[in-house]
Amino acid sequence: MAGLTQAELMSLRENLSNEMLMMQKFGAYAAQCSDPQLKQVLSSVQQAHQRHYNTLIRHLGGQNIM
């Protein structure tokens, strides 16, 4: 990807990886939760991380840097 240094690409990869991990974890937590209010909070957090991930991908022009 032109215009980004290796350090910047590494940082983006790390951020994408972290967002993906958070999506997976909060999705798993929500799936295991029996309290409806807590389940909704966990699902909302999962969706927020999904939006963050999508935003990073969109700013990269849809290119996969992983």
PDB file of N, CA and C in Angstrom:
ATOM      1  N   MET A   1       0.852  -1.174   0.000  1.00  0.00           N
ATOM      2  CA  MET A   1       0.000   0.000   0.000  1.00  0.00           C
ATOM      3  C   MET A   1       0.891   1.227   0.000  1.00  0.00           C
ATOM      4  N   ALA A   2       0.749   2.048  -1.012  1.00  0.00           N
ATOM      5  CA  ALA A   2       1.584   3.230  -1.181  1.00  0.00           C
ATOM      6  C   ALA A   2       1.248   4.298  -0.144  1.00  0.00           C
ATOM      7  N   GLY A   3       2.281   4.993   0.290  1.00  0.00           N
ATOM      8  CA  GLY A   3       2.078   6.100   1.192  1.00  0.00           C
ATOM      9  C   GLY A   3       2.157   5.764   2.664  1.00  0.00           C
ATOM     10  N   LEU A   4       2.176   4.506   3.019  1.00  0.00           N
ATOM     11  CA  LEU A   4       2.269   4.107   4.417  1.00  0.00           C
ATOM     12  C   LEU A   4       3.613   3.450   4.682  1.00  0.00           C
ATOM     13  N   THR A   5       4.171   3.767   5.821  1.00  0.00           N
ATOM     14  CA  THR A   5       5.437   3.142   6.202  1.00  0.00           C
ATOM     15  C   THR A   5       5.170   1.734   6.722  1.00  0.00           C
ATOM     16  N   GLN A   6       6.226   0.970   6.850  1.00  0.00           N
ATOM     17  CA  GLN A   6       6.104  -0.379   7.400  1.00  0.00           C
ATOM     18  C   GLN A   6       5.553  -0.330   8.822  1.00  0.00           C
ATOM     19  N   ALA A   7       5.982   0.654   9.595  1.00  0.00           N
ATOM     20  CA  ALA A   7       5.491   0.789  10.976  1.00  0.00           C
ATOM     21  C   ALA A   7       3.989   1.088  10.993  1.00  0.00           C
ATOM     22  N   GLU A   8       3.547   1.936  10.067  1.00  0.00           N
ATOM     23  CA  GLU A   8       2.120   2.252   9.992  1.00  0.00           C
ATOM     24  C   GLU A   8       1.304   1.033   9.569  1.00  0.00           C
ATOM     25  N   LEU A   9       1.809   0.293   8.596  1.00  0.00           N
ATOM     26  CA  LEU A   9       1.124  -0.931   8.175  1.00  0.00           C
ATOM     27  C   LEU A   9       1.053  -1.940   9.315  1.00  0.00           C
ATOM     28  N   MET A  10       2.130  -2.067  10.062  1.00  0.00           N
ATOM     29  CA  MET A  10       2.151  -2.988  11.197  1.00  0.00           C
ATOM     30  C   MET A  10       1.121  -2.557  12.242  1.00  0.00           C
ATOM     31  N   SER A  11       1.026  -1.264  12.485  1.00  0.00           N
ATOM     32  CA  SER A  11       0.055  -0.740  13.441  1.00  0.00           C
ATOM     33  C   SER A  11      -1.375  -1.002  12.968  1.00  0.00           C
ATOM     34  N   LEU A  12      -1.628  -0.806  11.682  1.00  0.00           N
ATOM     35  CA  LEU A  12      -2.958  -1.079  11.129  1.00  0.00           C
ATOM     36  C   LEU A  12      -3.310  -2.557  11.241  1.00  0.00           C
ATOM     37  N   ARG A  13      -2.359  -3.414  10.938  1.00  0.00           N
ATOM     38  CA  ARG A  13      -2.585  -4.861  11.070  1.00  0.00           C
ATOM     39  C   ARG A  13      -2.939  -5.221  12.512  1.00  0.00           C
ATOM     40  N   GLU A  14      -2.194  -4.637  13.432  1.00  0.00           N
ATOM     41  CA  GLU A  14      -2.435  -4.901  14.854  1.00  0.00           C
ATOM     42  C   GLU A  14      -3.825  -4.411  15.270  1.00  0.00           C
ATOM     43  N   ASN A  15      -4.191  -3.217  14.813  1.00  0.00           N
ATOM     44  CA  ASN A  15      -5.519  -2.685  15.147  1.00  0.00           C
ATOM     45  C   ASN A  15      -6.638  -3.533  14.552  1.00  0.00           C
ATOM     46  N   LEU A  16      -6.472  -3.952  13.309  1.00  0.00           N
ATOM     47  CA  LEU A  16      -7.478  -4.823  12.686  1.00  0.00           C
ATOM     48  C   LEU A  16      -7.590  -6.140  13.441  1.00  0.00           C
ATOM     49  N   SER A  17      -6.460  -6.696  13.815  1.00  0.00           N
ATOM     50  CA  SER A  17      -6.442  -7.950  14.556  1.00  0.00           C
ATOM     51  C   SER A  17      -7.127  -7.787  15.918  1.00  0.00           C
ATOM     52  N   ASN A  18      -6.838  -6.676  16.594  1.00  0.00           N
ATOM     53  CA  ASN A  18      -7.456  -6.423  17.897  1.00  0.00           C
ATOM     54  C   ASN A  18      -8.964  -6.241  17.783  1.00  0.00           C
ATOM     55  N   GLU A  19      -9.404  -5.525  16.767  1.00  0.00           N
ATOM     56  CA  GLU A  19     -10.846  -5.336  16.570  1.00  0.00           C
ATOM     57  C   GLU A  19     -11.526  -6.672  16.280  1.00  0.00           C
ATOM     58  N   MET A  20     -10.891  -7.499  15.470  1.00  0.00           N
ATOM     59  CA  MET A  20     -11.444  -8.816  15.165  1.00  0.00           C
ATOM     60  C   MET A  20     -11.548  -9.665  16.437  1.00  0.00           C
ATOM     61  N   LEU A  21     -10.508  -9.631  17.245  1.00  0.00           N
ATOM     62  CA  LEU A  21     -10.509 -10.382  18.501  1.00  0.00           C
ATOM     63  C   LEU A  21     -11.628  -9.909  19.423  1.00  0.00           C
ATOM     64  N   MET A  22     -11.814  -8.600  19.524  1.00  0.00           N
ATOM     65  CA  MET A  22     -12.874  -8.058  20.378  1.00  0.00           C
ATOM     66  C   MET A  22     -14.259  -8.448  19.859  1.00  0.00           C
ATOM     67  N   MET A  23     -14.434  -8.459  18.528  1.00  0.00           N
ATOM     68  CA  MET A  23     -15.710  -8.904  17.957  1.00  0.00           C
ATOM     69  C   MET A  23     -15.993 -10.346  18.364  1.00  0.00           C
ATOM     70  N   GLN A  24     -14.986 -11.189  18.253  1.00  0.00           N
ATOM     71  CA  GLN A  24     -15.154 -12.602  18.589  1.00  0.00           C
ATOM     72  C   GLN A  24     -15.433 -12.796  20.074  1.00  0.00           C
ATOM     73  N   LYS A  25     -14.676 -12.121  20.912  1.00  0.00           N
ATOM     74  CA  LYS A  25     -14.840 -12.286  22.364  1.00  0.00           C
ATOM     75  C   LYS A  25     -16.206 -11.805  22.834  1.00  0.00           C
ATOM     76  N   PHE A  26     -16.595 -10.583  22.436  1.00  0.00           N
ATOM     77  CA  PHE A  26     -17.875 -10.068  22.905  1.00  0.00           C
ATOM     78  C   PHE A  26     -19.042 -10.842  22.306  1.00  0.00           C
ATOM     79  N   GLY A  27     -18.876 -11.372  21.104  1.00  0.00           N
ATOM     80  CA  GLY A  27     -19.906 -12.238  20.531  1.00  0.00           C
ATOM     81  C   GLY A  27     -20.054 -13.518  21.328  1.00  0.00           C
ATOM     82  N   ALA A  28     -18.933 -14.093  21.735  1.00  0.00           N
ATOM     83  CA  ALA A  28     -18.965 -15.314  22.547  1.00  0.00           C
ATOM     84  C   ALA A  28     -19.561 -15.031  23.919  1.00  0.00           C
ATOM     85  N   TYR A  29     -19.179 -13.900  24.511  1.00  0.00           N
ATOM     86  CA  TYR A  29     -19.733 -13.540  25.824  1.00  0.00           C
ATOM     87  C   TYR A  29     -21.247 -13.368  25.732  1.00  0.00           C
ATOM     88  N   ALA A  30     -21.707 -12.688  24.699  1.00  0.00           N
ATOM     89  CA  ALA A  30     -23.145 -12.461  24.523  1.00  0.00           C
ATOM     90  C   ALA A  30     -23.877 -13.788  24.323  1.00  0.00           C
ATOM     91  N   ALA A  31     -23.276 -14.696  23.579  1.00  0.00           N
ATOM     92  CA  ALA A  31     -23.901 -15.993  23.324  1.00  0.00           C
ATOM     93  C   ALA A  31     -24.040 -16.820  24.599  1.00  0.00           C
ATOM     94  N   GLN A  32     -23.122 -16.629  25.533  1.00  0.00           N
ATOM     95  CA  GLN A  32     -23.138 -17.404  26.777  1.00  0.00           C
ATOM     96  C   GLN A  32     -23.987 -16.752  27.871  1.00  0.00           C
ATOM     97  N   CYS A  33     -24.371 -15.524  27.670  1.00  0.00           N
ATOM     98  CA  CYS A  33     -25.050 -14.737  28.700  1.00  0.00           C
ATOM     99  C   CYS A  33     -26.543 -15.058  28.731  1.00  0.00           C
ATOM    100  N   SER A  34     -27.084 -15.230  29.929  1.00  0.00           N
ATOM    101  CA  SER A  34     -28.512 -15.497  30.054  1.00  0.00           C
ATOM    102  C   SER A  34     -29.309 -14.255  30.457  1.00  0.00           C
ATOM    103  N   ASP A  35     -28.641 -13.236  30.984  1.00  0.00           N
ATOM    104  CA  ASP A  35     -29.311 -11.991  31.365  1.00  0.00           C
ATOM    105  C   ASP A  35     -29.557 -11.154  30.108  1.00  0.00           C
ATOM    106  N   PRO A  36     -30.820 -10.860  29.797  1.00  0.00           N
ATOM    107  CA  PRO A  36     -31.121 -10.152  28.542  1.00  0.00           C
ATOM    108  C   PRO A  36     -30.495  -8.759  28.440  1.00  0.00           C
ATOM    109  N   GLN A  37     -30.449  -8.025  29.540  1.00  0.00           N
ATOM    110  CA  GLN A  37     -29.866  -6.681  29.492  1.00  0.00           C
ATOM    111  C   GLN A  37     -28.360  -6.741  29.253  1.00  0.00           C
ATOM    112  N   LEU A  38     -27.695  -7.635  29.963  1.00  0.00           N
ATOM    113  CA  LEU A  38     -26.254  -7.784  29.786  1.00  0.00           C
ATOM    114  C   LEU A  38     -25.940  -8.309  28.391  1.00  0.00           C
ATOM    115  N   LYS A  39     -26.768  -9.237  27.921  1.00  0.00           N
ATOM    116  CA  LYS A  39     -26.585  -9.778  26.566  1.00  0.00           C
ATOM    117  C   LYS A  39     -26.665  -8.650  25.533  1.00  0.00           C
ATOM    118  N   GLN A  40     -27.618  -7.720  25.719  1.00  0.00           N
ATOM    119  CA  GLN A  40     -27.768  -6.590  24.801  1.00  0.00           C
ATOM    120  C   GLN A  40     -26.546  -5.686  24.857  1.00  0.00           C
ATOM    121  N   VAL A  41     -26.027  -5.420  26.055  1.00  0.00           N
ATOM    122  CA  VAL A  41     -24.828  -4.580  26.192  1.00  0.00           C
ATOM    123  C   VAL A  41     -23.650  -5.238  25.484  1.00  0.00           C
ATOM    124  N   LEU A  42     -23.454  -6.523  25.710  1.00  0.00           N
ATOM    125  CA  LEU A  42     -22.343  -7.241  25.091  1.00  0.00           C
ATOM    126  C   LEU A  42     -22.481  -7.251  23.564  1.00  0.00           C
ATOM    127  N   SER A  43     -23.687  -7.436  23.082  1.00  0.00           N
ATOM    128  CA  SER A  43     -23.925  -7.416  21.630  1.00  0.00           C
ATOM    129  C   SER A  43     -23.650  -6.028  21.056  1.00  0.00           C
ATOM    130  N   SER A  44     -24.010  -4.989  21.808  1.00  0.00           N
ATOM    131  CA  SER A  44     -23.745  -3.626  21.357  1.00  0.00           C
ATOM    132  C   SER A  44     -22.247  -3.350  21.267  1.00  0.00           C
ATOM    133  N   VAL A  45     -21.505  -3.846  22.238  1.00  0.00           N
ATOM    134  CA  VAL A  45     -20.048  -3.670  22.219  1.00  0.00           C
ATOM    135  C   VAL A  45     -19.456  -4.424  21.031  1.00  0.00           C
ATOM    136  N   GLN A  46     -19.959  -5.628  20.779  1.00  0.00           N
ATOM    137  CA  GLN A  46     -19.492  -6.400  19.630  1.00  0.00           C
ATOM    138  C   GLN A  46     -19.747  -5.624  18.332  1.00  0.00           C
ATOM    139  N   GLN A  47     -20.930  -5.036  18.202  1.00  0.00           N
ATOM    140  CA  GLN A  47     -21.267  -4.280  17.000  1.00  0.00           C
ATOM    141  C   GLN A  47     -20.388  -3.034  16.857  1.00  0.00           C
ATOM    142  N   ALA A  48     -20.046  -2.409  17.977  1.00  0.00           N
ATOM    143  CA  ALA A  48     -19.156  -1.238  17.933  1.00  0.00           C
ATOM    144  C   ALA A  48     -17.792  -1.627  17.389  1.00  0.00           C
ATOM    145  N   HIS A  49     -17.273  -2.768  17.830  1.00  0.00           N
ATOM    146  CA  HIS A  49     -15.976  -3.235  17.326  1.00  0.00           C
ATOM    147  C   HIS A  49     -16.076  -3.615  15.847  1.00  0.00           C
ATOM    148  N   GLN A  50     -17.222  -4.139  15.435  1.00  0.00           N
ATOM    149  CA  GLN A  50     -17.432  -4.447  14.015  1.00  0.00           C
ATOM    150  C   GLN A  50     -17.395  -3.161  13.193  1.00  0.00           C
ATOM    151  N   ARG A  51     -18.028  -2.102  13.707  1.00  0.00           N
ATOM    152  CA  ARG A  51     -17.999  -0.820  13.005  1.00  0.00           C
ATOM    153  C   ARG A  51     -16.574  -0.270  12.926  1.00  0.00           C
ATOM    154  N   HIS A  52     -15.810  -0.395  14.010  1.00  0.00           N
ATOM    155  CA  HIS A  52     -14.418   0.071  14.011  1.00  0.00           C
ATOM    156  C   HIS A  52     -13.614  -0.679  12.954  1.00  0.00           C
ATOM    157  N   TYR A  53     -13.782  -2.000  12.913  1.00  0.00           N
ATOM    158  CA  TYR A  53     -13.082  -2.834  11.936  1.00  0.00           C
ATOM    159  C   TYR A  53     -13.453  -2.397  10.517  1.00  0.00           C
ATOM    160  N   ASN A  54     -14.754  -2.235  10.273  1.00  0.00           N
ATOM    161  CA  ASN A  54     -15.224  -1.836   8.942  1.00  0.00           C
ATOM    162  C   ASN A  54     -14.689  -0.464   8.551  1.00  0.00           C
ATOM    163  N   THR A  55     -14.608   0.443   9.514  1.00  0.00           N
ATOM    164  CA  THR A  55     -14.082   1.780   9.244  1.00  0.00           C
ATOM    165  C   THR A  55     -12.618   1.713   8.839  1.00  0.00           C
ATOM    166  N   LEU A  56     -11.837   0.909   9.557  1.00  0.00           N
ATOM    167  CA  LEU A  56     -10.426   0.752   9.194  1.00  0.00           C
ATOM    168  C   LEU A  56     -10.289   0.192   7.783  1.00  0.00           C
ATOM    169  N   ILE A  57     -11.071  -0.828   7.468  1.00  0.00           N
ATOM    170  CA  ILE A  57     -11.027  -1.431   6.131  1.00  0.00           C
ATOM    171  C   ILE A  57     -11.432  -0.406   5.077  1.00  0.00           C
ATOM    172  N   ARG A  58     -12.477   0.364   5.364  1.00  0.00           N
ATOM    173  CA  ARG A  58     -12.935   1.376   4.407  1.00  0.00           C
ATOM    174  C   ARG A  58     -11.861   2.421   4.150  1.00  0.00           C
ATOM    175  N   HIS A  59     -11.162   2.844   5.208  1.00  0.00           N
ATOM    176  CA  HIS A  59     -10.095   3.828   5.041  1.00  0.00           C
ATOM    177  C   HIS A  59      -8.910   3.260   4.267  1.00  0.00           C
ATOM    178  N   LEU A  60      -8.776   1.966   4.270  1.00  0.00           N
ATOM    179  CA  LEU A  60      -7.716   1.319   3.504  1.00  0.00           C
ATOM    180  C   LEU A  60      -8.158   1.055   2.056  1.00  0.00           C
ATOM    181  N   GLY A  61      -9.335   1.479   1.726  1.00  0.00           N
ATOM    182  CA  GLY A  61      -9.844   1.280   0.367  1.00  0.00           C
ATOM    183  C   GLY A  61     -10.221  -0.153   0.091  1.00  0.00           C
ATOM    184  N   GLY A  62     -10.568  -0.885   1.137  1.00  0.00           N
ATOM    185  CA  GLY A  62     -10.982  -2.273   0.974  1.00  0.00           C
ATOM    186  C   GLY A  62      -9.833  -3.238   0.772  1.00  0.00           C
ATOM    187  N   GLN A  63      -8.601  -2.753   0.812  1.00  0.00           N
ATOM    188  CA  GLN A  63      -7.452  -3.633   0.615  1.00  0.00           C
ATOM    189  C   GLN A  63      -7.201  -4.466   1.874  1.00  0.00           C
ATOM    190  N   ASN A  64      -6.870  -5.706   1.677  1.00  0.00           N
ATOM    191  CA  ASN A  64      -6.558  -6.595   2.786  1.00  0.00           C
ATOM    192  C   ASN A  64      -5.062  -6.506   3.073  1.00  0.00           C
ATOM    193  N   ILE A  65      -4.701  -5.984   4.229  1.00  0.00           N
ATOM    194  CA  ILE A  65      -3.277  -5.852   4.575  1.00  0.00           C
ATOM    195  C   ILE A  65      -2.839  -6.923   5.558  1.00  0.00           C
ATOM    196  N   MET A  66      -3.735  -7.833   5.878  1.00  0.00           N
ATOM    197  CA  MET A  66      -3.398  -8.863   6.877  1.00  0.00           C
ATOM    198  C   MET A  66      -2.454  -9.893   6.315  1.00  0.00           C
TER     199      MET A  66
END
